[in-house]
Amino acid sequence: MCVERSMKLSTIVILVGVVFLFIPIPPIATIIGIVTILAGVALRALTDK
């Protein structure tokens, strides 16, 4: 059950990162979007067993 919750959280984090990529403040939004996507991928990698 903990793994399922973490996977849902990582999916949400990745989706938030993708949304940030489309915000029209290029340098800030792009950096935040990429960092957020990487955090989601790392979260998924660490919690997926």
C-alpha atoms as a PDB file:
ATOM      1  CA  MET A   1       0.000   0.000   0.000  1.00  0.00           C
ATOM      2  CA  CYS A   2       2.887   2.400   0.729  1.00  0.00           C
ATOM      3  CA  VAL A   3       4.424   1.630  -2.654  1.00  0.00           C
ATOM      4  CA  GLU A   4       1.148   2.474  -4.438  1.00  0.00           C
ATOM      5  CA  ARG A   5       0.882   5.816  -2.652  1.00  0.00           C
ATOM      6  CA  SER A   6       4.494   6.693  -3.510  1.00  0.00           C
ATOM      7  CA  MET A   7       3.974   5.801  -7.151  1.00  0.00           C
ATOM      8  CA  LYS A   8       0.939   8.066  -7.286  1.00  0.00           C
ATOM      9  CA  LEU A   9       2.953  10.860  -5.686  1.00  0.00           C
ATOM     10  CA  SER A  10       5.783  10.434  -8.185  1.00  0.00           C
ATOM     11  CA  THR A  11       3.307  10.566 -11.078  1.00  0.00           C
ATOM     12  CA  ILE A  12       1.848  13.806  -9.716  1.00  0.00           C
ATOM     13  CA  VAL A  13       5.334  15.284  -9.294  1.00  0.00           C
ATOM     14  CA  ILE A  14       6.245  14.388 -12.894  1.00  0.00           C
ATOM     15  CA  LEU A  15       3.005  15.905 -14.204  1.00  0.00           C
ATOM     16  CA  VAL A  16       3.603  19.124 -12.251  1.00  0.00           C
ATOM     17  CA  GLY A  17       7.040  19.319 -13.829  1.00  0.00           C
ATOM     18  CA  VAL A  18       5.556  18.956 -17.311  1.00  0.00           C
ATOM     19  CA  VAL A  19       3.073  21.751 -16.544  1.00  0.00           C
ATOM     20  CA  PHE A  20       5.938  24.010 -15.432  1.00  0.00           C
ATOM     21  CA  LEU A  21       7.597  23.506 -18.827  1.00  0.00           C
ATOM     22  CA  PHE A  22       4.637  25.246 -20.520  1.00  0.00           C
ATOM     23  CA  ILE A  23       4.529  28.301 -18.228  1.00  0.00           C
ATOM     24  CA  PRO A  24       5.625  31.341 -20.260  1.00  0.00           C
ATOM     25  CA  ILE A  25       8.495  32.402 -17.969  1.00  0.00           C
ATOM     26  CA  PRO A  26      11.250  30.607 -19.876  1.00  0.00           C
ATOM     27  CA  PRO A  27      14.346  30.538 -17.661  1.00  0.00           C
ATOM     28  CA  ILE A  28      12.610  30.033 -14.321  1.00  0.00           C
ATOM     29  CA  ALA A  29       9.807  27.711 -15.388  1.00  0.00           C
ATOM     30  CA  THR A  30      12.092  25.544 -17.524  1.00  0.00           C
ATOM     31  CA  ILE A  31      14.569  25.022 -14.695  1.00  0.00           C
ATOM     32  CA  ILE A  32      11.821  24.311 -12.144  1.00  0.00           C
ATOM     33  CA  GLY A  33      10.081  21.979 -14.613  1.00  0.00           C
ATOM     34  CA  ILE A  34      13.216  19.951 -15.336  1.00  0.00           C
ATOM     35  CA  VAL A  35      14.154  19.731 -11.644  1.00  0.00           C
ATOM     36  CA  THR A  36      10.605  18.684 -10.729  1.00  0.00           C
ATOM     37  CA  ILE A  37      10.514  15.993 -13.423  1.00  0.00           C
ATOM     38  CA  LEU A  38      13.890  14.647 -12.270  1.00  0.00           C
ATOM     39  CA  ALA A  39      12.646  14.607  -8.668  1.00  0.00           C
ATOM     40  CA  GLY A  40       9.579  12.619  -9.755  1.00  0.00           C
ATOM     41  CA  VAL A  41      11.679  10.139 -11.690  1.00  0.00           C
ATOM     42  CA  ALA A  42      14.049   9.754  -8.727  1.00  0.00           C
ATOM     43  CA  LEU A  43      11.100   9.268  -6.379  1.00  0.00           C
ATOM     44  CA  ARG A  44       9.693   6.597  -8.661  1.00  0.00           C
ATOM     45  CA  ALA A  45      13.090   4.864  -8.968  1.00  0.00           C
ATOM     46  CA  LEU A  46      13.616   4.842  -5.207  1.00  0.00           C
ATOM     47  CA  THR A  47      10.129   3.605  -4.337  1.00  0.00           C
ATOM     48  CA  ASP A  48       9.621   1.115  -7.188  1.00  0.00           C
ATOM     49  CA  LYS A  49      10.733  -2.326  -6.062  1.00  0.00           C
END
